[in-house]
PDB file of N, CA and C in Angstrom:
ATOM      1  N   MET A   1       0.742  -1.311  -0.387  1.00  0.00           N
ATOM      2  CA  MET A   1      -0.229  -0.189   0.000  1.00  0.00           C
ATOM      3  C   MET A   1       0.931   1.083  -0.006  1.00  0.00           C
ATOM      4  N   LYS A   2       0.751   2.033  -0.889  1.00  0.00           N
ATOM      5  CA  LYS A   2       1.205   3.652  -1.055  1.00  0.00           C
ATOM      6  C   LYS A   2       1.552   4.396   0.545  1.00  0.00           C
ATOM      7  N   LYS A   3       1.830   4.945   0.424  1.00  0.00           N
ATOM      8  CA  LYS A   3       1.919   6.208   1.316  1.00  0.00           C
ATOM      9  C   LYS A   3       1.588   7.106   1.014  1.00  0.00           C
ATOM     10  N   GLU A   4       0.282   8.080   1.737  1.00  0.00           N
ATOM     11  CA  GLU A   4       0.066   9.337   1.391  1.00  0.00           C
ATOM     12  C   GLU A   4       0.962  10.274   1.743  1.00  0.00           C
ATOM     13  N   LEU A   5       1.584  11.404   0.256  1.00  0.00           N
ATOM     14  CA  LEU A   5       2.699  12.142   1.055  1.00  0.00           C
ATOM     15  C   LEU A   5       2.077  13.576   1.241  1.00  0.00           C
ATOM     16  N   ASN A   6       1.661  13.548   2.145  1.00  0.00           N
ATOM     17  CA  ASN A   6       0.736  14.895   3.056  1.00  0.00           C
ATOM     18  C   ASN A   6       1.506  16.068   3.550  1.00  0.00           C
ATOM     19  N   CYS A   7       3.209  15.689   3.895  1.00  0.00           N
ATOM     20  CA  CYS A   7       3.500  16.672   4.524  1.00  0.00           C
ATOM     21  C   CYS A   7       5.253  17.379   3.938  1.00  0.00           C
ATOM     22  N   CYS A   8       5.824  18.232   4.097  1.00  0.00           N
ATOM     23  CA  CYS A   8       7.107  18.658   4.096  1.00  0.00           C
ATOM     24  C   CYS A   8       7.956  18.508   5.108  1.00  0.00           C
ATOM     25  N   LEU A   9       8.786  17.901   4.950  1.00  0.00           N
ATOM     26  CA  LEU A   9       9.819  18.039   6.281  1.00  0.00           C
ATOM     27  C   LEU A   9      10.782  18.962   5.951  1.00  0.00           C
ATOM     28  N   THR A  10      11.131  19.883   6.670  1.00  0.00           N
ATOM     29  CA  THR A  10      12.359  20.777   6.379  1.00  0.00           C
ATOM     30  C   THR A  10      13.006  21.210   7.764  1.00  0.00           C
ATOM     31  N   LEU A  11      14.174  20.125   7.287  1.00  0.00           N
ATOM     32  CA  LEU A  11      15.832  20.034   8.272  1.00  0.00           C
ATOM     33  C   LEU A  11      16.608  21.207   8.062  1.00  0.00           C
ATOM     34  N   VAL A  12      16.890  22.207   9.243  1.00  0.00           N
ATOM     35  CA  VAL A  12      18.133  23.187   8.807  1.00  0.00           C
ATOM     36  C   VAL A  12      18.980  22.758  10.057  1.00  0.00           C
ATOM     37  N   CYS A  13      20.322  23.128   9.523  1.00  0.00           N
ATOM     38  CA  CYS A  13      21.803  22.632   9.897  1.00  0.00           C
ATOM     39  C   CYS A  13      22.673  23.451   9.804  1.00  0.00           C
ATOM     40  N   HIS A  14      23.414  23.948  10.620  1.00  0.00           N
ATOM     41  CA  HIS A  14      25.222  24.013   9.936  1.00  0.00           C
ATOM     42  C   HIS A  14      25.697  23.149   9.008  1.00  0.00           C
ATOM     43  N   ARG A  15      26.336  24.248   8.071  1.00  0.00           N
ATOM     44  CA  ARG A  15      26.574  23.447   6.998  1.00  0.00           C
ATOM     45  C   ARG A  15      28.071  22.206   7.818  1.00  0.00           C
ATOM     46  N   LEU A  16      28.237  22.345   7.923  1.00  0.00           N
ATOM     47  CA  LEU A  16      29.354  21.245   9.159  1.00  0.00           C
ATOM     48  C   LEU A  16      28.519  20.177   9.298  1.00  0.00           C
ATOM     49  N   LEU A  17      26.954  20.294   9.710  1.00  0.00           N
ATOM     50  CA  LEU A  17      26.703  19.162   9.724  1.00  0.00           C
ATOM     51  C   LEU A  17      26.084  18.173   8.734  1.00  0.00           C
ATOM     52  N   GLU A  18      26.091  18.719   7.705  1.00  0.00           N
ATOM     53  CA  GLU A  18      25.257  18.455   6.186  1.00  0.00           C
ATOM     54  C   GLU A  18      25.357  17.266   5.565  1.00  0.00           C
ATOM     55  N   GLU A  19      26.811  16.226   5.901  1.00  0.00           N
ATOM     56  CA  GLU A  19      26.755  14.560   5.954  1.00  0.00           C
ATOM     57  C   GLU A  19      26.137  14.178   6.573  1.00  0.00           C
ATOM     58  N   ARG A  20      25.981  14.325   7.763  1.00  0.00           N
ATOM     59  CA  ARG A  20      25.479  13.898   8.892  1.00  0.00           C
ATOM     60  C   ARG A  20      23.983  13.421   8.623  1.00  0.00           C
ATOM     61  N   LEU A  21      23.730  14.971   8.261  1.00  0.00           N
ATOM     62  CA  LEU A  21      22.163  14.985   8.544  1.00  0.00           C
ATOM     63  C   LEU A  21      21.555  14.105   7.388  1.00  0.00           C
ATOM     64  N   ILE A  22      22.410  14.194   6.085  1.00  0.00           N
ATOM     65  CA  ILE A  22      22.213  12.725   4.512  1.00  0.00           C
ATOM     66  C   ILE A  22      22.540  11.551   5.221  1.00  0.00           C
ATOM     67  N   ASP A  23      22.810  11.463   5.773  1.00  0.00           N
ATOM     68  CA  ASP A  23      23.442  10.086   6.009  1.00  0.00           C
ATOM     69  C   ASP A  23      21.817   9.366   6.884  1.00  0.00           C
ATOM     70  N   HIS A  24      21.313   9.746   7.461  1.00  0.00           N
ATOM     71  CA  HIS A  24      20.707   9.226   8.055  1.00  0.00           C
ATOM     72  C   HIS A  24      19.276   9.589   7.157  1.00  0.00           C
ATOM     73  N   LEU A  25      19.126  10.541   6.567  1.00  0.00           N
ATOM     74  CA  LEU A  25      18.240   9.968   5.120  1.00  0.00           C
ATOM     75  C   LEU A  25      18.289   9.331   4.426  1.00  0.00           C
ATOM     76  N   LEU A  26      19.435   9.164   4.085  1.00  0.00           N
ATOM     77  CA  LEU A  26      19.576   7.515   2.852  1.00  0.00           C
ATOM     78  C   LEU A  26      19.667   5.967   3.681  1.00  0.00           C
ATOM     79  N   GLU A  27      19.825   6.552   5.196  1.00  0.00           N
ATOM     80  CA  GLU A  27      19.733   5.520   6.010  1.00  0.00           C
ATOM     81  C   GLU A  27      18.219   5.004   5.874  1.00  0.00           C
ATOM     82  N   HIS A  28      16.952   6.034   5.926  1.00  0.00           N
ATOM     83  CA  HIS A  28      15.737   5.644   5.993  1.00  0.00           C
ATOM     84  C   HIS A  28      15.022   5.639   4.861  1.00  0.00           C
ATOM     85  N   PRO A  29      15.229   4.413   3.646  1.00  0.00           N
ATOM     86  CA  PRO A  29      14.194   4.944   2.528  1.00  0.00           C
ATOM     87  C   PRO A  29      13.001   4.587   3.144  1.00  0.00           C
ATOM     88  N   GLU A  30      12.791   3.853   4.327  1.00  0.00           N
ATOM     89  CA  GLU A  30      11.269   3.536   4.417  1.00  0.00           C
ATOM     90  C   GLU A  30      10.628   4.638   4.935  1.00  0.00           C
ATOM     91  N   TRP A  31      10.815   5.719   5.288  1.00  0.00           N
ATOM     92  CA  TRP A  31      10.469   6.725   5.602  1.00  0.00           C
ATOM     93  C   TRP A  31      10.836   7.957   4.580  1.00  0.00           C
ATOM     94  N   VAL A  32      12.083   7.924   3.781  1.00  0.00           N
ATOM     95  CA  VAL A  32      12.467   8.994   3.161  1.00  0.00           C
ATOM     96  C   VAL A  32      12.362   8.895   2.012  1.00  0.00           C
ATOM     97  N   TYR A  33      11.551   9.001   0.443  1.00  0.00           N
ATOM     98  CA  TYR A  33      11.718   8.828  -0.700  1.00  0.00           C
ATOM     99  C   TYR A  33      12.463   9.895  -1.523  1.00  0.00           C
ATOM    100  N   GLY A  34      12.781  10.975  -1.329  1.00  0.00           N
ATOM    101  CA  GLY A  34      13.888  11.929  -1.784  1.00  0.00           C
ATOM    102  C   GLY A  34      13.932  13.199  -1.009  1.00  0.00           C
ATOM    103  N   PHE A  35      15.033  13.378  -1.098  1.00  0.00           N
ATOM    104  CA  PHE A  35      14.960  14.775  -0.802  1.00  0.00           C
ATOM    105  C   PHE A  35      15.501  16.319  -1.678  1.00  0.00           C
ATOM    106  N   SER A  36      15.521  17.411  -1.510  1.00  0.00           N
ATOM    107  CA  SER A  36      16.413  18.464  -2.262  1.00  0.00           C
ATOM    108  C   SER A  36      16.730  19.352  -0.667  1.00  0.00           C
ATOM    109  N   ILE A  37      18.333  19.282  -1.303  1.00  0.00           N
ATOM    110  CA  ILE A  37      19.106  20.152  -0.421  1.00  0.00           C
ATOM    111  C   ILE A  37      19.090  22.183  -0.845  1.00  0.00           C
ATOM    112  N   PHE A  38      19.139  23.195  -0.062  1.00  0.00           N
ATOM    113  CA  PHE A  38      19.575  24.083  -0.286  1.00  0.00           C
ATOM    114  C   PHE A  38      20.475  24.833   0.634  1.00  0.00           C
ATOM    115  N   LYS A  39      20.738  25.536   0.191  1.00  0.00           N
ATOM    116  CA  LYS A  39      22.373  26.310   0.905  1.00  0.00           C
ATOM    117  C   LYS A  39      21.593  27.925   0.737  1.00  0.00           C
ATOM    118  N   THR A  40      21.695  27.926   2.360  1.00  0.00           N
ATOM    119  CA  THR A  40      21.421  29.714   2.973  1.00  0.00           C
ATOM    120  C   THR A  40      22.270  29.583   4.350  1.00  0.00           C
ATOM    121  N   GLU A  41      21.733  30.958   4.869  1.00  0.00           N
ATOM    122  CA  GLU A  41      22.176  31.286   5.506  1.00  0.00           C
ATOM    123  C   GLU A  41      21.395  31.937   6.766  1.00  0.00           C
ATOM    124  N   GLY A  42      21.498  31.678   7.781  1.00  0.00           N
ATOM    125  CA  GLY A  42      20.431  31.830   9.168  1.00  0.00           C
ATOM    126  C   GLY A  42      21.697  32.694   9.972  1.00  0.00           C
ATOM    127  N   GLY A  43      20.646  32.295  11.120  1.00  0.00           N
ATOM    128  CA  GLY A  43      21.558  32.827  12.750  1.00  0.00           C
ATOM    129  C   GLY A  43      19.927  32.486  13.904  1.00  0.00           C
ATOM    130  N   SER A  44      20.175  32.423  14.738  1.00  0.00           N
ATOM    131  CA  SER A  44      19.377  32.388  16.071  1.00  0.00           C
ATOM    132  C   SER A  44      19.843  32.693  17.462  1.00  0.00           C
ATOM    133  N   GLN A  45      19.284  32.857  18.272  1.00  0.00           N
ATOM    134  CA  GLN A  45      19.805  32.753  19.791  1.00  0.00           C
ATOM    135  C   GLN A  45      20.706  31.701  20.095  1.00  0.00           C
ATOM    136  N   LYS A  46      20.462  30.221  20.095  1.00  0.00           N
ATOM    137  CA  LYS A  46      20.637  29.332  19.942  1.00  0.00           C
ATOM    138  C   LYS A  46      21.767  28.976  19.750  1.00  0.00           C
ATOM    139  N   GLU A  47      22.627  29.588  19.001  1.00  0.00           N
ATOM    140  CA  GLU A  47      23.476  29.077  18.023  1.00  0.00           C
ATOM    141  C   GLU A  47      24.655  29.555  18.352  1.00  0.00           C
ATOM    142  N   ARG A  48      25.825  28.508  17.666  1.00  0.00           N
ATOM    143  CA  ARG A  48      26.613  29.278  18.157  1.00  0.00           C
ATOM    144  C   ARG A  48      27.780  29.036  17.094  1.00  0.00           C
ATOM    145  N   LEU A  49      28.365  30.507  16.679  1.00  0.00           N
ATOM    146  CA  LEU A  49      29.462  30.690  15.177  1.00  0.00           C
ATOM    147  C   LEU A  49      30.527  30.229  15.176  1.00  0.00           C
ATOM    148  N   PRO A  50      30.858  29.488  14.620  1.00  0.00           N
ATOM    149  CA  PRO A  50      32.202  28.544  15.104  1.00  0.00           C
ATOM    150  C   PRO A  50      33.558  29.310  13.943  1.00  0.00           C
ATOM    151  N   SER A  51      33.289  30.137  13.627  1.00  0.00           N
ATOM    152  CA  SER A  51      34.592  31.132  12.488  1.00  0.00           C
ATOM    153  C   SER A  51      34.022  32.162  12.947  1.00  0.00           C
ATOM    154  N   MET A  52      35.368  32.629  12.650  1.00  0.00           N
ATOM    155  CA  MET A  52      35.252  34.630  13.188  1.00  0.00           C
ATOM    156  C   MET A  52      34.615  35.096  12.075  1.00  0.00           C
ATOM    157  N   ILE A  53      34.237  34.921  10.534  1.00  0.00           N
ATOM    158  CA  ILE A  53      33.903  35.433  10.090  1.00  0.00           C
ATOM    159  C   ILE A  53      32.562  35.207  10.317  1.00  0.00           C
ATOM    160  N   GLU A  54      31.896  34.193  10.590  1.00  0.00           N
ATOM    161  CA  GLU A  54      30.709  34.526  10.924  1.00  0.00           C
ATOM    162  C   GLU A  54      29.898  34.975  12.571  1.00  0.00           C
ATOM    163  N   GLN A  55      30.924  34.700  12.686  1.00  0.00           N
ATOM    164  CA  GLN A  55      30.842  35.793  14.415  1.00  0.00           C
ATOM    165  C   GLN A  55      30.713  37.340  14.022  1.00  0.00           C
ATOM    166  N   VAL A  56      31.136  37.939  13.390  1.00  0.00           N
ATOM    167  CA  VAL A  56      31.405  39.294  12.610  1.00  0.00           C
ATOM    168  C   VAL A  56      30.133  39.064  12.245  1.00  0.00           C
ATOM    169  N   ARG A  57      29.902  38.618  11.083  1.00  0.00           N
ATOM    170  CA  ARG A  57      28.203  38.746   9.948  1.00  0.00           C
ATOM    171  C   ARG A  57      27.343  38.227  11.237  1.00  0.00           C
ATOM    172  N   GLY A  58      27.473  37.775  12.530  1.00  0.00           N
ATOM    173  CA  GLY A  58      26.147  37.544  13.042  1.00  0.00           C
ATOM    174  C   GLY A  58      25.311  36.302  12.509  1.00  0.00           C
ATOM    175  N   ARG A  59      25.880  35.532  11.432  1.00  0.00           N
ATOM    176  CA  ARG A  59      25.110  34.309  11.285  1.00  0.00           C
ATOM    177  C   ARG A  59      26.009  33.366  10.624  1.00  0.00           C
ATOM    178  N   SER A  60      25.382  32.649  10.055  1.00  0.00           N
ATOM    179  CA  SER A  60      26.334  31.230   9.480  1.00  0.00           C
ATOM    180  C   SER A  60      26.001  30.522   8.717  1.00  0.00           C
ATOM    181  N   GLN A  61      26.264  30.049   7.517  1.00  0.00           N
ATOM    182  CA  GLN A  61      25.951  28.983   6.315  1.00  0.00           C
ATOM    183  C   GLN A  61      25.252  27.998   6.996  1.00  0.00           C
ATOM    184  N   ARG A  62      24.564  27.791   6.438  1.00  0.00           N
ATOM    185  CA  ARG A  62      23.424  26.623   6.663  1.00  0.00           C
ATOM    186  C   ARG A  62      22.860  25.874   5.815  1.00  0.00           C
ATOM    187  N   VAL A  63      22.305  24.684   5.792  1.00  0.00           N
ATOM    188  CA  VAL A  63      21.594  23.371   4.425  1.00  0.00           C
ATOM    189  C   VAL A  63      20.404  23.869   5.622  1.00  0.00           C
ATOM    190  N   ALA A  64      19.353  23.565   4.274  1.00  0.00           N
ATOM    191  CA  ALA A  64      17.869  23.378   4.424  1.00  0.00           C
ATOM    192  C   ALA A  64      17.944  21.957   4.056  1.00  0.00           C
ATOM    193  N   LEU A  65      17.389  20.591   4.298  1.00  0.00           N
ATOM    194  CA  LEU A  65      17.183  19.788   3.142  1.00  0.00           C
ATOM    195  C   LEU A  65      15.692  19.577   3.470  1.00  0.00           C
ATOM    196  N   GLN A  66      14.465  19.137   2.821  1.00  0.00           N
ATOM    197  CA  GLN A  66      13.065  19.506   2.591  1.00  0.00           C
ATOM    198  C   GLN A  66      12.782  18.100   1.770  1.00  0.00           C
ATOM    199  N   SER A  67      11.867  17.412   2.438  1.00  0.00           N
ATOM    200  CA  SER A  67      11.337  16.276   1.920  1.00  0.00           C
ATOM    201  C   SER A  67       9.768  16.066   1.739  1.00  0.00           C
ATOM    202  N   VAL A  68       9.516  15.559   0.964  1.00  0.00           N
ATOM    203  CA  VAL A  68       7.851  15.581   0.959  1.00  0.00           C
ATOM    204  C   VAL A  68       7.865  14.365   1.176  1.00  0.00           C
ATOM    205  N   MET A  69       6.517  14.294   2.346  1.00  0.00           N
ATOM    206  CA  MET A  69       6.708  12.846   2.349  1.00  0.00           C
ATOM    207  C   MET A  69       5.439  12.359   4.014  1.00  0.00           C
ATOM    208  N   ASN A  70       5.055  11.234   4.309  1.00  0.00           N
ATOM    209  CA  ASN A  70       4.230  10.982   5.069  1.00  0.00           C
ATOM    210  C   ASN A  70       4.211  11.576   6.299  1.00  0.00           C
ATOM    211  N   LEU A  71       3.284  12.159   6.881  1.00  0.00           N
ATOM    212  CA  LEU A  71       3.287  12.738   8.479  1.00  0.00           C
ATOM    213  C   LEU A  71       3.701  11.567   9.535  1.00  0.00           C
ATOM    214  N   GLU A  72       3.509  10.347   9.414  1.00  0.00           N
ATOM    215  CA  GLU A  72       3.630   9.719  10.179  1.00  0.00           C
ATOM    216  C   GLU A  72       5.285   9.554  10.728  1.00  0.00           C
ATOM    217  N   ASP A  73       6.029   8.946   8.888  1.00  0.00           N
ATOM    218  CA  ASP A  73       7.378   8.681   8.822  1.00  0.00           C
ATOM    219  C   ASP A  73       7.853  10.544   8.877  1.00  0.00           C
ATOM    220  N   ALA A  74       7.391  11.855   8.866  1.00  0.00           N
ATOM    221  CA  ALA A  74       8.514  12.222   9.639  1.00  0.00           C
ATOM    222  C   ALA A  74       8.453  12.709  10.455  1.00  0.00           C
ATOM    223  N   ARG A  75       7.058  12.428  11.530  1.00  0.00           N
ATOM    224  CA  ARG A  75       7.386  12.437  12.749  1.00  0.00           C
ATOM    225  C   ARG A  75       8.446  11.319  13.636  1.00  0.00           C
ATOM    226  N   GLU A  76       8.602  10.359  13.221  1.00  0.00           N
ATOM    227  CA  GLU A  76       9.345   8.557  13.031  1.00  0.00           C
ATOM    228  C   GLU A  76      11.005   9.523  12.881  1.00  0.00           C
ATOM    229  N   LEU A  77      11.076  10.009  11.704  1.00  0.00           N
ATOM    230  CA  LEU A  77      12.304  10.659  11.229  1.00  0.00           C
ATOM    231  C   LEU A  77      12.838  11.330  12.379  1.00  0.00           C
ATOM    232  N   VAL A  78      11.804  12.678  12.875  1.00  0.00           N
ATOM    233  CA  VAL A  78      12.292  13.987  13.902  1.00  0.00           C
ATOM    234  C   VAL A  78      12.482  13.135  14.886  1.00  0.00           C
ATOM    235  N   THR A  79      12.207  11.887  15.862  1.00  0.00           N
ATOM    236  CA  THR A  79      12.035  10.872  17.015  1.00  0.00           C
ATOM    237  C   THR A  79      13.512  10.558  16.631  1.00  0.00           C
ATOM    238  N   HIS A  80      14.001   9.873  15.723  1.00  0.00           N
ATOM    239  CA  HIS A  80      14.929   9.227  15.396  1.00  0.00           C
ATOM    240  C   HIS A  80      16.191  10.224  15.030  1.00  0.00           C
ATOM    241  N   LEU A  81      16.078  11.175  15.142  1.00  0.00           N
ATOM    242  CA  LEU A  81      16.857  12.525  14.648  1.00  0.00           C
ATOM    243  C   LEU A  81      17.068  12.920  16.124  1.00  0.00           C
ATOM    244  N   LYS A  82      15.931  13.803  17.215  1.00  0.00           N
ATOM    245  CA  LYS A  82      16.380  14.090  18.230  1.00  0.00           C
ATOM    246  C   LYS A  82      17.220  12.722  19.208  1.00  0.00           C
ATOM    247  N   HIS A  83      17.176  11.545  19.086  1.00  0.00           N
ATOM    248  CA  HIS A  83      17.895  10.510  19.414  1.00  0.00           C
ATOM    249  C   HIS A  83      19.509  10.017  19.240  1.00  0.00           C
ATOM    250  N   GLU A  84      19.596  10.422  18.127  1.00  0.00           N
ATOM    251  CA  GLU A  84      20.644   9.915  17.189  1.00  0.00           C
ATOM    252  C   GLU A  84      21.508  11.613  17.050  1.00  0.00           C
ATOM    253  N   GLU A  85      20.962  12.548  16.718  1.00  0.00           N
ATOM    254  CA  GLU A  85      21.298  14.198  16.352  1.00  0.00           C
ATOM    255  C   GLU A  85      21.115  15.195  17.443  1.00  0.00           C
ATOM    256  N   SER A  86      21.057  14.753  18.658  1.00  0.00           N
ATOM    257  CA  SER A  86      20.248  15.861  19.509  1.00  0.00           C
ATOM    258  C   SER A  86      21.094  17.501  19.524  1.00  0.00           C
ATOM    259  N   ASN A  87      20.654  18.108  19.491  1.00  0.00           N
ATOM    260  CA  ASN A  87      21.624  18.977  18.817  1.00  0.00           C
ATOM    261  C   ASN A  87      20.803  20.180  19.041  1.00  0.00           C
ATOM    262  N   PRO A  88      20.794  21.428  19.605  1.00  0.00           N
ATOM    263  CA  PRO A  88      19.811  22.821  19.504  1.00  0.00           C
ATOM    264  C   PRO A  88      19.983  23.325  18.207  1.00  0.00           C
ATOM    265  N   GLU A  89      21.046  23.360  17.874  1.00  0.00           N
ATOM    266  CA  GLU A  89      20.983  24.002  16.502  1.00  0.00           C
ATOM    267  C   GLU A  89      20.139  23.188  15.455  1.00  0.00           C
ATOM    268  N   MET A  90      20.079  22.489  15.417  1.00  0.00           N
ATOM    269  CA  MET A  90      19.475  21.634  14.056  1.00  0.00           C
ATOM    270  C   MET A  90      18.230  22.240  14.248  1.00  0.00           C
ATOM    271  N   ALA A  91      17.392  22.489  13.572  1.00  0.00           N
ATOM    272  CA  ALA A  91      15.887  23.123  13.592  1.00  0.00           C
ATOM    273  C   ALA A  91      14.905  22.454  12.904  1.00  0.00           C
ATOM    274  N   TYR A  92      13.785  22.165  13.145  1.00  0.00           N
ATOM    275  CA  TYR A  92      13.219  21.103  12.117  1.00  0.00           C
ATOM    276  C   TYR A  92      11.549  21.882  12.320  1.00  0.00           C
ATOM    277  N   TRP A  93      10.650  21.934  10.934  1.00  0.00           N
ATOM    278  CA  TRP A  93       9.257  21.865  10.800  1.00  0.00           C
ATOM    279  C   TRP A  93       8.529  21.180  10.071  1.00  0.00           C
ATOM    280  N   ILE A  94       7.532  20.730   9.857  1.00  0.00           N
ATOM    281  CA  ILE A  94       6.407  20.106   8.908  1.00  0.00           C
ATOM    282  C   ILE A  94       5.390  20.673   8.473  1.00  0.00           C
ATOM    283  N   THR A  95       5.085  20.753   7.150  1.00  0.00           N
ATOM    284  CA  THR A  95       3.765  21.920   6.956  1.00  0.00           C
ATOM    285  C   THR A  95       3.089  20.596   5.649  1.00  0.00           C
ATOM    286  N   PRO A  96       1.662  21.127   5.970  1.00  0.00           N
ATOM    287  CA  PRO A  96       1.179  20.320   4.814  1.00  0.00           C
ATOM    288  C   PRO A  96       1.491  20.696   3.459  1.00  0.00           C
ATOM    289  N   VAL A  97       0.864  19.168   2.787  1.00  0.00           N
ATOM    290  CA  VAL A  97       1.127  19.531   1.382  1.00  0.00           C
ATOM    291  C   VAL A  97      -0.265  19.195   1.105  1.00  0.00           C
ATOM    292  N   ILE A  98      -0.919  20.290  -0.057  1.00  0.00           N
ATOM    293  CA  ILE A  98      -2.114  19.587  -0.352  1.00  0.00           C
ATOM    294  C   ILE A  98      -2.347  19.157  -1.689  1.00  0.00           C
ATOM    295  N   GLU A  99      -1.294  18.754  -2.483  1.00  0.00           N
ATOM    296  CA  GLU A  99      -0.937  17.974  -3.698  1.00  0.00           C
ATOM    297  C   GLU A  99       0.762  17.840  -4.077  1.00  0.00           C
ATOM    298  N   PHE A 100       0.972  16.862  -4.102  1.00  0.00           N
ATOM    299  CA  PHE A 100       2.380  16.436  -4.820  1.00  0.00           C
ATOM    300  C   PHE A 100       2.027  15.552  -6.048  1.00  0.00           C
ATOM    301  N   GLY A 101       2.965  15.607  -6.940  1.00  0.00           N
ATOM    302  CA  GLY A 101       3.118  14.832  -8.361  1.00  0.00           C
ATOM    303  C   GLY A 101       4.334  14.952  -8.976  1.00  0.00           C
ATOM    304  N   ARG A 102       4.275  14.803 -10.405  1.00  0.00           N
ATOM    305  CA  ARG A 102       5.215  14.901 -10.958  1.00  0.00           C
ATOM    306  C   ARG A 102       4.630  15.028 -12.488  1.00  0.00           C
ATOM    307  N   LEU A 103       5.700  15.866 -13.410  1.00  0.00           N
ATOM    308  CA  LEU A 103       4.778  16.145 -14.461  1.00  0.00           C
ATOM    309  C   LEU A 103       5.043  15.177 -15.624  1.00  0.00           C
ATOM    310  N   GLU A 104       4.771  13.926 -15.431  1.00  0.00           N
ATOM    311  CA  GLU A 104       4.955  13.310 -16.573  1.00  0.00           C
ATOM    312  C   GLU A 104       3.594  13.010 -17.729  1.00  0.00           C
TER     313      GLU A 104
END
């Protein structure tokens, strides 16, 4: 039975954590069918800025990973990440997807 792809999970982390986060997504094809990666910048009050340039600028280079997926699977993945990669600098949000498809 095919699962309904009814949400978009967005994960945001410092660029130094990108590969570790991608590894988690690739290790769980039962939850994640595909994802997109966006390079971005960001800052928050909980963030530690590791480089001098980031400290001067007040923000860091970050990546946002997005995956359209099933809501229950998204929650399972977030629970897994909280256990395996507990890090206050990693943020996530889940938004509803009204429709998802391919232009075939």
